Structure formats: C-alpha cells, structure tokens
Amino acid sequence: MTAVLLLTLLACYRAPPAPPVPTADVFRKEMVDGPDLASRLVRDDADLVIFYGGEQRGTLDTCGCPGESHGSLARFSGWVQASKAENPASAFITVLAGYFLEDAIGAGGDLREDVPLMDRWMVQGLAAMPWDAINVAWPDLPGLQALGTVPDLPLTSANVTGPVDLPRIQPHIDVERGKRRYAVVGITSLGTSFSSNPRYSVTEPVPAAEKVLAGLDGRPVILLAWNAIDDARKLAQKHAEIRVIVDAAQHREAIEPFQVGHAIWVRSWFETQRAGELRLWFREEAVDRAFDRKVDLDPIIPDDPVIAAIQKSADREIRAKQKEMYGF
C-alpha cells in the first residue's frame, strides 16, 4: 500500500522549473588590457552601453598604486569618449555608483582641513562630464553638507534626503535613449561618518526604494547600490522592473555578470581603476545578451584634456594646502 502511494505521488510530482543559468553566450566578461587604445576598443551592434564607475573618494587623480598608476577621472572620461566614437549607433548611459567625495576627519573631529578643498575640485571635475546619474552614498554626505552648493549634478538616492538649501538629491532620474526610457535609482547602506552630517537623513534602503519603484509605472530600472548588496538582492528578487544592478563595495576582482530576478548584476571596480562598460542587447524589452568589460585605466588611456586641466589645478592647490597643514 505504501509503495503504491509513493509511486502515485511520484507520478503526480512536477519539479519546479530550474532558475535560468547564465551561459558564456549570454553573459560574458572581459578584462581589457590590450597594448594600445585601438586593441581595447570594441565595435558591435549593442543596443545600450552603460559606462560605470565609483568610489573615487574625493580624488581626481590616479590610485597612487606602487608601479604603474591606474584610474583617474580624466582617463575614465577619455575612455568613454573613445568608446562612444567607435560605436556611434549605440545608446549610452553613464553612471557613478557612489562614494565620490572624501569624508576623512581631522584632529578636531570634523572634516580634515584639506577635505572640503578636495571635494570642491572633485565636484568641478564631475561637472565637466555628461553623467546621467550619480548615486549618493552615506560617506558623501559630510562633503555635500560642507560644500553647501554644487554644480547641477544628477545626484540620486532613494533613501537619502536633505533640506532644500543643501545639494538636491532626486529619488530617481529618468533617462531617455531613443525609444526607451529608463529610471536610475540609487541606494546606500545605512552608515554614520565620523564627521557629522545631521542635516541629511538616511533611511532603510529597501522600503525607501520600493516607495520610489511604485511610482515608476513599471519602466526599466537601473539600480545603483553602494555597499548594499543584500538590499539590492532583495529588491531584484521582488521587482521585475529592475534590469541592471551596478554594485559598488570596494570590489577588486573580475566576476561574470550574473542574473538576480530579471536584473543583470555587475560590480564596479574600486576607485574606478578599471572602467566598467556593460554592453546590452534586447529582445523586445528583455535583456537578451550582456557583455561586461572591465577596461584598465592605465597610461595607455588618453586623458580628457578638460578634466586633466582641472586635475592639474586641483593638485597644485591641494598640495599647497597640505604643505600648510603638515609642513612638507
């Protein structure tokens, strides 16, 4: 009797469908380290290219690594311009995933004396580029509060708010490219800088983001998440409109783009030592293929001359201030 019942149950049982498994043909990655600029560029028929970076932490300059230098805002901008020129038929979106200002404290317990100067130059450099959205992370808040006013940057966060006399942070940013309209939404983990930022409020990311998503009429969403991996995962598992997640959390490794819910998940390289370039193809409104490229921003990449000039002025003024502070 028991055997008959077991056979009956097995006959009726239907295994749940397996989750989609990315394949090399669908989600691909490439570490781009060619010997010259031409070898690092790619030309294809991607429908959308998302350039991404983050975690510059108040410096326009390179990483200061031993040996060869990597990163810098001037190189990132130079790469974006070169890639756009190589693929004029593609649509482009450029985003920054968070922690673009410095929040180091001094002996008095507030921002170190040179930090507002660093942040002011960083903001000037960012304003010289055509960003579509810049996610505000909680370490950015002391700098924004100290600056008071900034150029008209596209700052966004679903879970950071502040008074009207401080830099405006939008809950989301709409981006139109051809026939497609996207919403870019930013989130940051909860956190408190050693430097106070009492005029800004940081709330739980998931409920704050869900409130924003509810007002977007289901349009495709690019989610920028700073140090908020679990929160981004929860949102993607629940909300099919999230199509891309750019995750910044001091990542320094090459990982295949992967899928959570309906979203393609990519990781921004720490300090933007490598530029992120996510190339997407669509089938109707769904992502059909994704190619994530991490481009080494070494001296082979040409500087954007406008930002390079800003960086030069910044270096001169910041070094003078630091000499005044430290005597060397």
Protein backbone atom coordinates (compact mmCIF):
# COMPACT_ATOMS: atom_id res chain seq x y z
CA MET A 1 0.00 0.00 0.00
CA THR A 2 2.79 2.35 0.96
CA ALA A 3 4.69 1.57 -2.24
CA VAL A 4 1.58 2.21 -4.36
CA LEU A 5 1.00 5.53 -2.62
CA LEU A 6 4.65 6.53 -3.13
CA LEU A 7 4.50 5.67 -6.84
CA THR A 8 1.30 7.70 -7.17
CA LEU A 9 2.88 10.71 -5.50
CA LEU A 10 5.96 10.46 -7.70
CA ALA A 11 3.80 10.27 -10.82
CA CYS A 12 1.97 13.46 -9.80
CA TYR A 13 5.08 15.33 -8.73
CA ARG A 14 6.35 18.09 -11.02
CA ALA A 15 9.72 19.58 -10.17
CA PRO A 16 9.77 23.39 -10.05
CA PRO A 17 11.38 24.99 -13.08
CA ALA A 18 15.12 25.45 -12.70
CA PRO A 19 16.32 29.04 -12.45
CA PRO A 20 17.93 30.38 -15.61
CA VAL A 21 21.61 29.50 -15.77
CA PRO A 22 23.80 32.10 -17.49
CA THR A 23 25.97 30.74 -20.28
CA ALA A 24 29.07 32.12 -21.90
CA ASP A 25 27.00 33.12 -24.91
CA VAL A 26 24.52 35.13 -22.83
CA PHE A 27 26.56 36.75 -20.05
CA ARG A 28 30.20 37.35 -20.82
CA LYS A 29 33.01 39.28 -19.21
CA GLU A 30 36.35 40.54 -20.48
CA MET A 31 39.35 42.03 -18.71
CA VAL A 32 40.64 44.62 -21.16
CA ASP A 33 44.41 45.14 -21.05
CA GLY A 34 45.47 45.48 -24.69
CA PRO A 35 48.78 47.08 -25.70
CA ASP A 36 47.17 50.20 -27.21
CA LEU A 37 43.90 52.08 -27.31
CA ALA A 38 42.73 50.54 -30.59
CA SER A 39 43.11 47.00 -29.22
CA ARG A 40 40.93 47.84 -26.21
CA LEU A 41 38.04 49.27 -28.18
CA VAL A 42 35.25 47.05 -29.46
CA ARG A 43 32.76 47.78 -32.21
CA ASP A 44 29.46 45.90 -32.24
CA ASP A 45 25.70 46.40 -32.50
CA ALA A 46 24.91 46.69 -28.77
CA ASP A 47 21.56 48.36 -28.17
CA LEU A 48 22.72 50.04 -24.96
CA VAL A 49 26.12 50.62 -23.34
CA ILE A 50 26.30 51.53 -19.65
CA PHE A 51 29.58 53.08 -18.53
CA TYR A 52 30.01 52.84 -14.79
CA GLY A 53 32.48 53.59 -12.02
CA GLY A 54 32.57 54.88 -8.46
CA GLU A 55 34.40 55.19 -5.15
CA GLN A 56 36.78 57.96 -6.23
CA ARG A 57 36.72 59.20 -2.61
CA GLY A 58 37.44 62.82 -3.38
CA THR A 59 40.36 62.44 -5.76
CA LEU A 60 40.51 63.23 -9.45
CA ASP A 61 43.91 61.56 -9.61
CA THR A 62 45.12 58.01 -10.20
CA CYS A 63 45.20 55.35 -7.49
CA GLY A 64 48.75 56.08 -6.31
CA CYS A 65 49.49 52.36 -6.58
CA PRO A 66 53.12 51.12 -6.48
CA GLY A 67 54.45 50.91 -10.01
CA GLU A 68 52.04 51.79 -12.80
CA SER A 69 49.17 54.13 -11.94
CA HIS A 70 45.54 53.27 -12.65
CA GLY A 71 42.27 55.16 -12.63
CA SER A 72 41.61 58.96 -12.64
CA LEU A 73 38.52 60.81 -13.74
CA ALA A 74 40.35 62.20 -16.79
CA ARG A 75 41.11 58.69 -18.07
CA PHE A 76 37.58 57.45 -17.35
CA SER A 77 36.18 60.33 -19.39
CA GLY A 78 38.76 59.75 -22.12
CA TRP A 79 37.74 56.10 -22.35
CA VAL A 80 34.03 56.94 -22.51
CA GLN A 81 34.63 59.39 -25.34
CA ALA A 82 36.76 56.91 -27.30
CA SER A 83 34.23 54.09 -26.93
CA LYS A 84 31.33 56.31 -27.94
CA ALA A 85 33.21 57.44 -31.04
CA GLU A 86 33.81 53.80 -32.01
CA ASN A 87 30.11 52.89 -31.67
CA PRO A 88 28.04 55.86 -32.84
CA ALA A 89 24.90 53.76 -33.41
CA SER A 90 24.62 52.53 -29.80
CA ALA A 91 22.78 54.30 -26.99
CA PHE A 92 24.85 55.25 -23.93
CA ILE A 93 24.23 55.85 -20.23
CA THR A 94 26.97 56.94 -17.81
CA VAL A 95 26.56 56.37 -14.07
CA LEU A 96 28.58 56.64 -10.88
CA ALA A 97 27.73 54.11 -8.16
CA GLY A 98 28.62 56.16 -5.06
CA TYR A 99 31.31 57.40 -2.62
CA PHE A 100 32.70 60.10 -4.87
CA LEU A 101 33.65 62.52 -2.07
CA GLU A 102 36.14 62.18 0.79
CA ASP A 103 34.98 62.15 4.41
CA ALA A 104 38.30 61.88 6.31
CA ILE A 105 38.29 63.60 9.68
CA GLY A 106 40.92 65.75 11.33
CA ALA A 107 42.11 66.05 14.92
CA GLY A 108 39.13 68.24 15.83
CA GLY A 109 36.65 65.51 14.97
CA ASP A 110 35.29 67.16 11.84
CA LEU A 111 36.38 67.01 8.21
CA ARG A 112 40.13 67.33 7.80
CA GLU A 113 41.09 70.82 6.63
CA ASP A 114 42.03 69.77 3.11
CA VAL A 115 38.94 67.61 2.52
CA PRO A 116 36.48 70.39 1.55
CA LEU A 117 39.07 71.57 -0.97
CA MET A 118 39.44 68.04 -2.40
CA ASP A 119 35.67 67.64 -2.60
CA ARG A 120 35.18 71.00 -4.29
CA TRP A 121 37.65 70.07 -7.03
CA MET A 122 36.09 66.61 -7.36
CA VAL A 123 32.67 68.14 -7.91
CA GLN A 124 34.13 70.53 -10.51
CA GLY A 125 35.65 67.57 -12.35
CA LEU A 126 32.39 65.61 -12.26
CA ALA A 127 30.52 68.63 -13.61
CA ALA A 128 32.78 68.60 -16.69
CA MET A 129 31.40 65.19 -17.73
CA PRO A 130 27.93 64.27 -19.06
CA TRP A 131 26.82 62.00 -16.19
CA ASP A 132 23.31 60.63 -16.34
CA ALA A 133 23.13 59.71 -12.65
CA ILE A 134 25.39 59.85 -9.58
CA ASN A 135 24.43 57.73 -6.58
CA VAL A 136 24.88 59.40 -3.19
CA ALA A 137 26.44 57.14 -0.55
CA TRP A 138 26.42 57.98 3.13
CA PRO A 139 30.19 58.83 3.15
CA ASP A 140 29.41 61.54 0.56
CA LEU A 141 27.08 63.40 2.93
CA PRO A 142 29.59 65.31 5.12
CA GLY A 143 31.26 66.64 1.98
CA LEU A 144 27.99 67.66 0.37
CA GLN A 145 26.93 69.39 3.56
CA ALA A 146 30.25 71.21 3.86
CA LEU A 147 30.13 72.34 0.22
CA GLY A 148 26.63 73.75 0.63
CA THR A 149 26.17 74.36 -3.09
CA VAL A 150 27.43 72.29 -6.01
CA PRO A 151 27.05 72.48 -9.79
CA ASP A 152 23.91 70.95 -11.22
CA LEU A 153 24.93 67.32 -10.85
CA PRO A 154 22.37 64.50 -11.33
CA LEU A 155 22.52 63.26 -7.74
CA THR A 156 20.12 60.46 -6.85
CA SER A 157 19.19 58.33 -3.85
CA ALA A 158 16.01 56.60 -2.82
CA ASN A 159 16.98 56.59 0.85
CA VAL A 160 18.88 59.85 1.42
CA THR A 161 17.05 63.15 1.88
CA GLY A 162 18.07 66.61 2.99
CA PRO A 163 16.75 70.16 3.35
CA VAL A 164 16.19 72.37 0.32
CA ASP A 165 19.24 74.58 0.98
CA LEU A 166 21.62 71.63 0.54
CA PRO A 167 22.50 69.94 -2.79
CA ARG A 168 19.37 68.42 -4.28
CA ILE A 169 19.18 64.64 -4.27
CA GLN A 170 16.50 63.21 -6.54
CA PRO A 171 14.74 59.93 -5.60
CA HIS A 172 15.24 58.75 -9.18
CA ILE A 173 16.42 60.11 -12.52
CA ASP A 174 14.70 59.49 -15.85
CA VAL A 175 16.94 58.81 -18.83
CA GLU A 176 15.58 58.62 -22.38
CA ARG A 177 17.61 56.93 -25.09
CA GLY A 178 15.91 56.53 -28.45
CA LYS A 179 12.62 54.72 -27.99
CA ARG A 180 13.49 53.51 -24.50
CA ARG A 181 13.01 55.30 -21.21
CA TYR A 182 14.86 54.19 -18.10
CA ALA A 183 14.78 55.18 -14.45
CA VAL A 184 18.02 55.24 -12.47
CA VAL A 185 17.55 54.67 -8.73
CA GLY A 186 20.32 54.84 -6.13
CA ILE A 187 20.57 53.25 -2.70
CA THR A 188 23.20 53.30 0.03
CA SER A 189 23.66 51.19 3.11
CA LEU A 190 22.93 52.73 6.48
CA GLY A 191 26.03 54.25 8.00
CA THR A 192 27.42 57.12 10.01
CA SER A 193 30.53 59.04 9.13
CA PHE A 194 32.88 60.05 11.92
CA SER A 195 32.21 63.54 10.63
CA SER A 196 28.69 64.63 11.46
CA ASN A 197 26.00 65.08 8.82
CA PRO A 198 22.90 65.80 10.91
CA ARG A 199 21.02 67.69 8.21
CA TYR A 200 20.79 64.65 5.94
CA SER A 201 18.60 61.66 6.71
CA VAL A 202 19.48 58.08 5.68
CA THR A 203 16.69 55.51 5.96
CA GLU A 204 16.42 51.77 5.34
CA PRO A 205 17.17 51.20 1.63
CA VAL A 206 14.61 48.52 0.72
CA PRO A 207 11.37 50.23 1.84
CA ALA A 208 12.62 53.59 0.55
CA ALA A 209 13.46 52.12 -2.87
CA GLU A 210 10.15 50.25 -3.06
CA LYS A 211 8.30 53.51 -2.50
CA VAL A 212 10.20 55.04 -5.43
CA LEU A 213 9.66 51.99 -7.66
CA ALA A 214 5.91 52.11 -7.01
CA GLY A 215 5.74 55.46 -8.77
CA LEU A 216 7.66 54.47 -11.91
CA ASP A 217 4.85 52.68 -13.79
CA GLY A 218 6.97 49.57 -14.35
CA ARG A 219 9.57 51.25 -16.59
CA PRO A 220 13.01 49.52 -16.72
CA VAL A 221 15.21 50.46 -13.77
CA ILE A 222 18.98 50.69 -13.40
CA LEU A 223 19.77 50.30 -9.69
CA LEU A 224 22.98 51.80 -8.31
CA ALA A 225 23.89 50.26 -4.97
CA TRP A 226 26.72 51.38 -2.71
CA ASN A 227 27.70 48.86 -0.01
CA ALA A 228 24.15 47.49 -0.16
CA ILE A 229 24.49 44.02 -1.67
CA ASP A 230 21.80 42.26 0.37
CA ASP A 231 19.37 45.14 -0.11
CA ALA A 232 19.92 45.18 -3.87
CA ARG A 233 19.39 41.41 -4.00
CA LYS A 234 16.09 41.65 -2.10
CA LEU A 235 14.85 44.37 -4.42
CA ALA A 236 15.83 42.48 -7.59
CA GLN A 237 14.18 39.27 -6.42
CA LYS A 238 10.90 41.10 -5.84
CA HIS A 239 10.79 43.72 -8.61
CA ALA A 240 10.98 42.55 -12.23
CA GLU A 241 11.38 46.11 -13.49
CA ILE A 242 14.95 46.20 -12.15
CA ARG A 243 17.01 45.23 -15.22
CA VAL A 244 20.56 46.24 -14.26
CA ILE A 245 22.32 46.48 -10.88
CA VAL A 246 25.64 48.30 -10.57
CA ASP A 247 27.12 47.20 -7.26
CA ALA A 248 29.97 49.18 -5.66
CA ALA A 249 31.50 47.78 -2.47
CA GLN A 250 35.30 48.02 -2.82
CA HIS A 251 35.37 45.23 -5.41
CA ARG A 252 38.76 44.35 -6.88
CA GLU A 253 38.01 41.14 -8.77
CA ALA A 254 36.69 40.07 -12.15
CA ILE A 255 33.36 38.25 -11.80
CA GLU A 256 30.99 37.22 -14.57
CA PRO A 257 27.86 39.31 -14.79
CA PHE A 258 25.06 37.25 -13.29
CA GLN A 259 21.32 37.32 -13.01
CA VAL A 260 19.16 38.04 -9.96
CA GLY A 261 15.47 38.10 -10.77
CA HIS A 262 15.28 39.91 -14.10
CA ALA A 263 18.38 42.02 -13.41
CA ILE A 264 21.90 41.74 -14.79
CA TRP A 265 24.30 42.31 -11.88
CA VAL A 266 27.74 43.88 -12.41
CA ARG A 267 30.35 45.08 -9.95
CA SER A 268 32.16 48.41 -10.11
CA TRP A 269 35.93 48.26 -9.65
CA PHE A 270 37.23 50.03 -6.53
CA GLU A 271 38.38 53.62 -7.20
CA THR A 272 37.43 53.07 -10.86
CA GLN A 273 40.90 51.72 -11.53
CA ARG A 274 39.08 49.86 -14.28
CA ALA A 275 36.19 51.41 -16.17
CA GLY A 276 33.03 49.35 -16.30
CA GLU A 277 31.42 49.00 -19.73
CA LEU A 278 28.26 46.89 -19.82
CA ARG A 279 27.08 46.21 -23.37
CA LEU A 280 23.46 45.03 -23.67
CA TRP A 281 21.28 43.58 -26.40
CA PHE A 282 17.50 43.44 -26.02
CA ARG A 283 14.80 41.12 -27.29
CA GLU A 284 11.70 43.25 -27.10
CA GLU A 285 12.12 44.81 -23.62
CA ALA A 286 14.09 41.97 -22.00
CA VAL A 287 17.88 41.74 -21.89
CA ASP A 288 18.91 39.05 -24.36
CA ARG A 289 22.70 39.25 -24.04
CA ALA A 290 25.18 41.06 -21.79
CA PHE A 291 28.89 41.68 -22.26
CA ASP A 292 30.65 43.23 -19.25
CA ARG A 293 34.07 44.73 -19.93
CA LYS A 294 36.50 45.98 -17.29
CA VAL A 295 38.92 48.33 -19.01
CA ASP A 296 42.25 49.03 -17.31
CA LEU A 297 42.64 52.80 -16.91
CA ASP A 298 46.42 52.82 -17.18
CA PRO A 299 48.56 55.42 -19.02
CA ILE A 300 47.55 53.97 -22.42
CA ILE A 301 44.10 55.53 -21.99
CA PRO A 302 44.10 59.17 -23.15
CA ASP A 303 43.12 61.87 -20.68
CA ASP A 304 40.12 64.07 -21.29
CA PRO A 305 42.05 67.37 -21.64
CA VAL A 306 39.38 69.46 -19.86
CA ILE A 307 39.38 67.24 -16.79
CA ALA A 308 43.17 66.86 -16.92
CA ALA A 309 43.48 70.65 -16.67
CA ILE A 310 41.09 70.67 -13.68
CA GLN A 311 43.12 67.87 -12.08
CA LYS A 312 46.36 69.83 -12.53
CA SER A 313 44.90 72.90 -10.84
CA ALA A 314 43.46 70.72 -8.08
CA ASP A 315 46.80 69.02 -7.42
CA ARG A 316 48.58 72.37 -7.13
CA GLU A 317 46.06 73.85 -4.68
CA ILE A 318 45.62 70.70 -2.59
CA ARG A 319 49.38 70.17 -2.24
CA ALA A 320 49.80 73.78 -1.12
CA LYS A 321 47.10 73.29 1.49
CA GLN A 322 48.62 70.03 2.73
CA LYS A 323 52.06 71.65 2.96
CA GLU A 324 50.50 74.37 5.09
CA MET A 325 48.89 71.69 7.28
CA TYR A 326 51.82 69.31 7.64
CA GLY A 327 54.86 71.42 6.82
CA PHE A 328 56.13 69.23 3.95
